[in-house]
Amino acid sequence: LPELKRRNIPFTIFFPTGSWNTRPQWIRNHDHPSWNQRVLSKDELRVLAQENLVTIASHSVTHPHFPSLPKESAN
């Protein structure tokens, strides 16, 4: 964030809501370099969302094939 702010570069974060404040659930290999990382908490994401260069977007938890979902399910 500090470097992006210094350069005035806007960015989008696609947030994995299934992993609030825990290690990344999509990493299953204990030897992976990010195994011990932690996903932001809701409060940390709220603070980050206050930055004018940041856009927060959602990221699915289950990775459905969105084009094949009924419109009501894709909302």
PDB file of N, CA and C in Angstrom:
ATOM      1  N   LEU A   1       0.812  -1.203   0.000  1.00  0.00           N
ATOM      2  CA  LEU A   1       0.000   0.000   0.000  1.00  0.00           C
ATOM      3  C   LEU A   1       0.857   1.269   0.000  1.00  0.00           C
ATOM      4  N   PRO A   2       1.870   1.355   0.839  1.00  0.00           N
ATOM      5  CA  PRO A   2       2.657   2.595   0.835  1.00  0.00           C
ATOM      6  C   PRO A   2       3.271   2.916  -0.534  1.00  0.00           C
ATOM      7  N   GLU A   3       3.764   1.922  -1.216  1.00  0.00           N
ATOM      8  CA  GLU A   3       4.381   2.177  -2.528  1.00  0.00           C
ATOM      9  C   GLU A   3       3.338   2.579  -3.559  1.00  0.00           C
ATOM     10  N   LEU A   4       2.191   1.938  -3.538  1.00  0.00           N
ATOM     11  CA  LEU A   4       1.121   2.309  -4.471  1.00  0.00           C
ATOM     12  C   LEU A   4       0.639   3.729  -4.196  1.00  0.00           C
ATOM     13  N   LYS A   5       0.521   4.085  -2.925  1.00  0.00           N
ATOM     14  CA  LYS A   5       0.119   5.452  -2.576  1.00  0.00           C
ATOM     15  C   LYS A   5       1.182   6.451  -3.024  1.00  0.00           C
ATOM     16  N   ARG A   6       2.430   6.125  -2.801  1.00  0.00           N
ATOM     17  CA  ARG A   6       3.518   7.030  -3.194  1.00  0.00           C
ATOM     18  C   ARG A   6       3.480   7.309  -4.690  1.00  0.00           C
ATOM     19  N   ARG A   7       3.142   6.301  -5.464  1.00  0.00           N
ATOM     20  CA  ARG A   7       3.103   6.444  -6.922  1.00  0.00           C
ATOM     21  C   ARG A   7       1.712   6.827  -7.446  1.00  0.00           C
ATOM     22  N   ASN A   8       0.759   6.950  -6.530  1.00  0.00           N
ATOM     23  CA  ASN A   8      -0.614   7.310  -6.888  1.00  0.00           C
ATOM     24  C   ASN A   8      -1.227   6.305  -7.873  1.00  0.00           C
ATOM     25  N   ILE A   9      -1.040   5.027  -7.581  1.00  0.00           N
ATOM     26  CA  ILE A   9      -1.540   3.966  -8.449  1.00  0.00           C
ATOM     27  C   ILE A   9      -2.793   3.350  -7.823  1.00  0.00           C
ATOM     28  N   PRO A  10      -3.938   3.472  -8.477  1.00  0.00           N
ATOM     29  CA  PRO A  10      -5.150   2.833  -7.951  1.00  0.00           C
ATOM     30  C   PRO A  10      -5.067   1.312  -8.126  1.00  0.00           C
ATOM     31  N   PHE A  11      -5.751   0.593  -7.254  1.00  0.00           N
ATOM     32  CA  PHE A  11      -5.738  -0.861  -7.348  1.00  0.00           C
ATOM     33  C   PHE A  11      -7.034  -1.434  -6.801  1.00  0.00           C
ATOM     34  N   THR A  12      -7.313  -2.667  -7.200  1.00  0.00           N
ATOM     35  CA  THR A  12      -8.500  -3.396  -6.764  1.00  0.00           C
ATOM     36  C   THR A  12      -8.059  -4.628  -5.996  1.00  0.00           C
ATOM     37  N   ILE A  13      -8.733  -4.882  -4.899  1.00  0.00           N
ATOM     38  CA  ILE A  13      -8.510  -6.099  -4.123  1.00  0.00           C
ATOM     39  C   ILE A  13      -9.763  -6.953  -4.262  1.00  0.00           C
ATOM     40  N   PHE A  14      -9.586  -8.175  -4.745  1.00  0.00           N
ATOM     41  CA  PHE A  14     -10.684  -9.133  -4.806  1.00  0.00           C
ATOM     42  C   PHE A  14     -10.578  -9.968  -3.541  1.00  0.00           C
ATOM     43  N   PHE A  15     -11.475  -9.730  -2.608  1.00  0.00           N
ATOM     44  CA  PHE A  15     -11.329 -10.279  -1.274  1.00  0.00           C
ATOM     45  C   PHE A  15     -11.998 -11.637  -1.125  1.00  0.00           C
ATOM     46  N   PRO A  16     -11.253 -12.620  -0.590  1.00  0.00           N
ATOM     47  CA  PRO A  16     -11.796 -13.965  -0.376  1.00  0.00           C
ATOM     48  C   PRO A  16     -12.551 -14.043   0.951  1.00  0.00           C
ATOM     49  N   THR A  17     -13.845 -13.790   0.922  1.00  0.00           N
ATOM     50  CA  THR A  17     -14.627 -13.688   2.160  1.00  0.00           C
ATOM     51  C   THR A  17     -14.708 -14.993   2.948  1.00  0.00           C
ATOM     52  N   GLY A  18     -14.361 -16.103   2.362  1.00  0.00           N
ATOM     53  CA  GLY A  18     -14.380 -17.365   3.090  1.00  0.00           C
ATOM     54  C   GLY A  18     -13.176 -17.555   3.989  1.00  0.00           C
ATOM     55  N   SER A  19     -12.283 -16.588   4.031  1.00  0.00           N
ATOM     56  CA  SER A  19     -11.050 -16.739   4.816  1.00  0.00           C
ATOM     57  C   SER A  19     -10.773 -15.560   5.728  1.00  0.00           C
ATOM     58  N   TRP A  20     -11.795 -14.865   6.209  1.00  0.00           N
ATOM     59  CA  TRP A  20     -11.591 -13.719   7.088  1.00  0.00           C
ATOM     60  C   TRP A  20     -10.621 -14.059   8.214  1.00  0.00           C
ATOM     61  N   ASN A  21      -9.575 -13.284   8.343  1.00  0.00           N
ATOM     62  CA  ASN A  21      -8.674 -13.328   9.490  1.00  0.00           C
ATOM     63  C   ASN A  21      -8.093 -14.728   9.769  1.00  0.00           C
ATOM     64  N   THR A  22      -7.938 -15.531   8.722  1.00  0.00           N
ATOM     65  CA  THR A  22      -7.342 -16.860   8.871  1.00  0.00           C
ATOM     66  C   THR A  22      -6.272 -17.019   7.806  1.00  0.00           C
ATOM     67  N   ARG A  23      -5.582 -18.124   7.844  1.00  0.00           N
ATOM     68  CA  ARG A  23      -4.618 -18.380   6.778  1.00  0.00           C
ATOM     69  C   ARG A  23      -5.399 -18.614   5.488  1.00  0.00           C
ATOM     70  N   PRO A  24      -4.779 -18.432   4.332  1.00  0.00           N
ATOM     71  CA  PRO A  24      -5.469 -18.625   3.053  1.00  0.00           C
ATOM     72  C   PRO A  24      -5.964 -20.072   2.903  1.00  0.00           C
ATOM     73  N   GLN A  25      -7.276 -20.236   2.835  1.00  0.00           N
ATOM     74  CA  GLN A  25      -7.865 -21.570   2.766  1.00  0.00           C
ATOM     75  C   GLN A  25      -7.599 -22.277   1.440  1.00  0.00           C
ATOM     76  N   TRP A  26      -7.231 -21.525   0.413  1.00  0.00           N
ATOM     77  CA  TRP A  26      -6.974 -22.123  -0.897  1.00  0.00           C
ATOM     78  C   TRP A  26      -5.567 -22.719  -0.986  1.00  0.00           C
ATOM     79  N   ILE A  27      -4.740 -22.450  -0.011  1.00  0.00           N
ATOM     80  CA  ILE A  27      -3.391 -23.026   0.014  1.00  0.00           C
ATOM     81  C   ILE A  27      -3.439 -24.280   0.872  1.00  0.00           C
ATOM     82  N   ARG A  28      -3.186 -25.404   0.240  1.00  0.00           N
ATOM     83  CA  ARG A  28      -3.311 -26.675   0.949  1.00  0.00           C
ATOM     84  C   ARG A  28      -1.970 -27.344   1.240  1.00  0.00           C
ATOM     85  N   ASN A  29      -0.912 -26.824   0.671  1.00  0.00           N
ATOM     86  CA  ASN A  29       0.409 -27.406   0.842  1.00  0.00           C
ATOM     87  C   ASN A  29       1.133 -26.689   1.985  1.00  0.00           C
ATOM     88  N   HIS A  30       1.462 -27.422   3.036  1.00  0.00           N
ATOM     89  CA  HIS A  30       2.143 -26.844   4.197  1.00  0.00           C
ATOM     90  C   HIS A  30       3.484 -26.215   3.845  1.00  0.00           C
ATOM     91  N   ASP A  31       4.069 -26.621   2.736  1.00  0.00           N
ATOM     92  CA  ASP A  31       5.375 -26.091   2.319  1.00  0.00           C
ATOM     93  C   ASP A  31       5.264 -24.837   1.458  1.00  0.00           C
ATOM     94  N   HIS A  32       4.056 -24.438   1.121  1.00  0.00           N
ATOM     95  CA  HIS A  32       3.858 -23.247   0.291  1.00  0.00           C
ATOM     96  C   HIS A  32       4.358 -22.015   1.058  1.00  0.00           C
ATOM     97  N   PRO A  33       5.045 -21.087   0.388  1.00  0.00           N
ATOM     98  CA  PRO A  33       5.590 -19.907   1.082  1.00  0.00           C
ATOM     99  C   PRO A  33       4.535 -19.043   1.765  1.00  0.00           C
ATOM    100  N   SER A  34       3.290 -19.113   1.328  1.00  0.00           N
ATOM    101  CA  SER A  34       2.237 -18.293   1.946  1.00  0.00           C
ATOM    102  C   SER A  34       1.403 -19.056   2.969  1.00  0.00           C
ATOM    103  N   TRP A  35       1.808 -20.273   3.312  1.00  0.00           N
ATOM    104  CA  TRP A  35       1.031 -21.101   4.243  1.00  0.00           C
ATOM    105  C   TRP A  35       0.735 -20.358   5.547  1.00  0.00           C
ATOM    106  N   ASN A  36       1.673 -19.627   6.076  1.00  0.00           N
ATOM    107  CA  ASN A  36       1.497 -18.954   7.368  1.00  0.00           C
ATOM    108  C   ASN A  36       1.009 -17.517   7.254  1.00  0.00           C
ATOM    109  N   GLN A  37       0.652 -17.076   6.056  1.00  0.00           N
ATOM    110  CA  GLN A  37       0.108 -15.728   5.903  1.00  0.00           C
ATOM    111  C   GLN A  37      -1.294 -15.681   6.503  1.00  0.00           C
ATOM    112  N   ARG A  38      -1.814 -14.483   6.698  1.00  0.00           N
ATOM    113  CA  ARG A  38      -3.158 -14.310   7.238  1.00  0.00           C
ATOM    114  C   ARG A  38      -3.932 -13.356   6.342  1.00  0.00           C
ATOM    115  N   VAL A  39      -5.152 -13.727   6.028  1.00  0.00           N
ATOM    116  CA  VAL A  39      -6.048 -12.866   5.257  1.00  0.00           C
ATOM    117  C   VAL A  39      -6.549 -11.764   6.197  1.00  0.00           C
ATOM    118  N   LEU A  40      -6.805 -10.599   5.650  1.00  0.00           N
ATOM    119  CA  LEU A  40      -7.268  -9.473   6.469  1.00  0.00           C
ATOM    120  C   LEU A  40      -8.535  -9.804   7.259  1.00  0.00           C
ATOM    121  N   SER A  41      -8.706  -9.114   8.369  1.00  0.00           N
ATOM    122  CA  SER A  41      -9.954  -9.204   9.125  1.00  0.00           C
ATOM    123  C   SER A  41     -10.957  -8.217   8.506  1.00  0.00           C
ATOM    124  N   LYS A  42     -12.203  -8.309   8.920  1.00  0.00           N
ATOM    125  CA  LYS A  42     -13.218  -7.364   8.429  1.00  0.00           C
ATOM    126  C   LYS A  42     -12.847  -5.930   8.801  1.00  0.00           C
ATOM    127  N   ASP A  43     -12.372  -5.737  10.019  1.00  0.00           N
ATOM    128  CA  ASP A  43     -11.986  -4.385  10.444  1.00  0.00           C
ATOM    129  C   ASP A  43     -10.807  -3.854   9.641  1.00  0.00           C
ATOM    130  N   GLU A  44      -9.827  -4.695   9.359  1.00  0.00           N
ATOM    131  CA  GLU A  44      -8.676  -4.270   8.555  1.00  0.00           C
ATOM    132  C   GLU A  44      -9.114  -3.909   7.135  1.00  0.00           C
ATOM    133  N   LEU A  45     -10.049  -4.680   6.596  1.00  0.00           N
ATOM    134  CA  LEU A  45     -10.541  -4.385   5.247  1.00  0.00           C
ATOM    135  C   LEU A  45     -11.318  -3.062   5.241  1.00  0.00           C
ATOM    136  N   ARG A  46     -12.083  -2.800   6.289  1.00  0.00           N
ATOM    137  CA  ARG A  46     -12.809  -1.522   6.389  1.00  0.00           C
ATOM    138  C   ARG A  46     -11.842  -0.344   6.376  1.00  0.00           C
ATOM    139  N   VAL A  47     -10.752  -0.470   7.099  1.00  0.00           N
ATOM    140  CA  VAL A  47      -9.743   0.597   7.129  1.00  0.00           C
ATOM    141  C   VAL A  47      -9.133   0.771   5.738  1.00  0.00           C
ATOM    142  N   LEU A  48      -8.780  -0.325   5.108  1.00  0.00           N
ATOM    143  CA  LEU A  48      -8.189  -0.266   3.774  1.00  0.00           C
ATOM    144  C   LEU A  48      -9.163   0.360   2.769  1.00  0.00           C
ATOM    145  N   ALA A  49     -10.441   0.073   2.924  1.00  0.00           N
ATOM    146  CA  ALA A  49     -11.454   0.603   2.004  1.00  0.00           C
ATOM    147  C   ALA A  49     -11.559   2.125   2.067  1.00  0.00           C
ATOM    148  N   GLN A  50     -11.055   2.736   3.126  1.00  0.00           N
ATOM    149  CA  GLN A  50     -11.087   4.193   3.260  1.00  0.00           C
ATOM    150  C   GLN A  50     -10.055   4.884   2.377  1.00  0.00           C
ATOM    151  N   GLU A  51      -9.087   4.128   1.898  1.00  0.00           N
ATOM    152  CA  GLU A  51      -8.062   4.696   1.009  1.00  0.00           C
ATOM    153  C   GLU A  51      -8.695   5.041  -0.335  1.00  0.00           C
ATOM    154  N   ASN A  52      -8.413   6.225  -0.840  1.00  0.00           N
ATOM    155  CA  ASN A  52      -9.061   6.658  -2.084  1.00  0.00           C
ATOM    156  C   ASN A  52      -8.570   5.921  -3.326  1.00  0.00           C
ATOM    157  N   LEU A  53      -7.448   5.248  -3.263  1.00  0.00           N
ATOM    158  CA  LEU A  53      -6.938   4.514  -4.424  1.00  0.00           C
ATOM    159  C   LEU A  53      -7.436   3.074  -4.480  1.00  0.00           C
ATOM    160  N   VAL A  54      -8.121   2.643  -3.433  1.00  0.00           N
ATOM    161  CA  VAL A  54      -8.504   1.236  -3.307  1.00  0.00           C
ATOM    162  C   VAL A  54      -9.941   1.004  -3.740  1.00  0.00           C
ATOM    163  N   THR A  55     -10.136  -0.034  -4.522  1.00  0.00           N
ATOM    164  CA  THR A  55     -11.466  -0.550  -4.834  1.00  0.00           C
ATOM    165  C   THR A  55     -11.522  -1.951  -4.255  1.00  0.00           C
ATOM    166  N   ILE A  56     -12.560  -2.226  -3.478  1.00  0.00           N
ATOM    167  CA  ILE A  56     -12.743  -3.555  -2.900  1.00  0.00           C
ATOM    168  C   ILE A  56     -13.795  -4.269  -3.736  1.00  0.00           C
ATOM    169  N   ALA A  57     -13.469  -5.471  -4.163  1.00  0.00           N
ATOM    170  CA  ALA A  57     -14.405  -6.289  -4.938  1.00  0.00           C
ATOM    171  C   ALA A  57     -14.516  -7.653  -4.269  1.00  0.00           C
ATOM    172  N   SER A  58     -15.609  -8.332  -4.541  1.00  0.00           N
ATOM    173  CA  SER A  58     -15.789  -9.643  -3.920  1.00  0.00           C
ATOM    174  C   SER A  58     -15.134 -10.732  -4.752  1.00  0.00           C
ATOM    175  N   HIS A  59     -14.834 -11.789  -4.083  1.00  0.00           N
ATOM    176  CA  HIS A  59     -14.242 -12.967  -4.720  1.00  0.00           C
ATOM    177  C   HIS A  59     -15.073 -14.138  -4.242  1.00  0.00           C
ATOM    178  N   SER A  60     -15.470 -15.006  -5.135  1.00  0.00           N
ATOM    179  CA  SER A  60     -16.312 -16.120  -4.708  1.00  0.00           C
ATOM    180  C   SER A  60     -15.558 -17.057  -3.776  1.00  0.00           C
ATOM    181  N   VAL A  61     -16.310 -17.778  -2.989  1.00  0.00           N
ATOM    182  CA  VAL A  61     -15.722 -18.749  -2.076  1.00  0.00           C
ATOM    183  C   VAL A  61     -15.589 -20.104  -2.764  1.00  0.00           C
ATOM    184  N   THR A  62     -16.582 -20.440  -3.601  1.00  0.00           N
ATOM    185  CA  THR A  62     -16.627 -21.785  -4.188  1.00  0.00           C
ATOM    186  C   THR A  62     -16.255 -21.845  -5.664  1.00  0.00           C
ATOM    187  N   HIS A  63     -16.004 -20.723  -6.298  1.00  0.00           N
ATOM    188  CA  HIS A  63     -15.655 -20.651  -7.715  1.00  0.00           C
ATOM    189  C   HIS A  63     -16.677 -21.315  -8.640  1.00  0.00           C
ATOM    190  N   PRO A  64     -17.946 -20.930  -8.525  1.00  0.00           N
ATOM    191  CA  PRO A  64     -18.924 -21.491  -9.459  1.00  0.00           C
ATOM    192  C   PRO A  64     -18.683 -20.940 -10.864  1.00  0.00           C
ATOM    193  N   HIS A  65     -19.243 -21.584 -11.849  1.00  0.00           N
ATOM    194  CA  HIS A  65     -19.166 -21.104 -13.227  1.00  0.00           C
ATOM    195  C   HIS A  65     -20.288 -20.074 -13.394  1.00  0.00           C
ATOM    196  N   PHE A  66     -19.971 -18.812 -13.154  1.00  0.00           N
ATOM    197  CA  PHE A  66     -20.983 -17.758 -13.104  1.00  0.00           C
ATOM    198  C   PHE A  66     -21.853 -17.657 -14.354  1.00  0.00           C
ATOM    199  N   PRO A  67     -21.300 -17.791 -15.567  1.00  0.00           N
ATOM    200  CA  PRO A  67     -22.173 -17.684 -16.744  1.00  0.00           C
ATOM    201  C   PRO A  67     -23.285 -18.736 -16.779  1.00  0.00           C
ATOM    202  N   SER A  68     -23.111 -19.845 -16.090  1.00  0.00           N
ATOM    203  CA  SER A  68     -24.135 -20.886 -16.129  1.00  0.00           C
ATOM    204  C   SER A  68     -25.122 -20.797 -14.960  1.00  0.00           C
ATOM    205  N   LEU A  69     -24.897 -19.880 -14.028  1.00  0.00           N
ATOM    206  CA  LEU A  69     -25.800 -19.741 -12.889  1.00  0.00           C
ATOM    207  C   LEU A  69     -27.055 -18.970 -13.259  1.00  0.00           C
ATOM    208  N   PRO A  70     -28.184 -19.295 -12.611  1.00  0.00           N
ATOM    209  CA  PRO A  70     -29.364 -18.438 -12.788  1.00  0.00           C
ATOM    210  C   PRO A  70     -29.058 -17.040 -12.257  1.00  0.00           C
ATOM    211  N   LYS A  71     -29.650 -16.044 -12.842  1.00  0.00           N
ATOM    212  CA  LYS A  71     -29.355 -14.654 -12.486  1.00  0.00           C
ATOM    213  C   LYS A  71     -29.490 -14.420 -10.979  1.00  0.00           C
ATOM    214  N   GLU A  72     -30.500 -15.004 -10.332  1.00  0.00           N
ATOM    215  CA  GLU A  72     -30.722 -14.808  -8.900  1.00  0.00           C
ATOM    216  C   GLU A  72     -29.555 -15.349  -8.074  1.00  0.00           C
ATOM    217  N   SER A  73     -28.910 -16.390  -8.543  1.00  0.00           N
ATOM    218  CA  SER A  73     -27.810 -17.000  -7.809  1.00  0.00           C
ATOM    219  C   SER A  73     -26.507 -16.232  -7.984  1.00  0.00           C
ATOM    220  N   ALA A  74     -26.368 -15.500  -9.049  1.00  0.00           N
ATOM    221  CA  ALA A  74     -25.114 -14.794  -9.348  1.00  0.00           C
ATOM    222  C   ALA A  74     -25.039 -13.442  -8.667  1.00  0.00           C
ATOM    223  N   ASN A  75     -26.105 -12.979  -8.035  1.00  0.00           N
ATOM    224  CA  ASN A  75     -26.097 -11.673  -7.359  1.00  0.00           C
ATOM    225  C   ASN A  75     -25.376 -11.732  -6.050  1.00  0.00           C
TER     226      ASN A  75
END
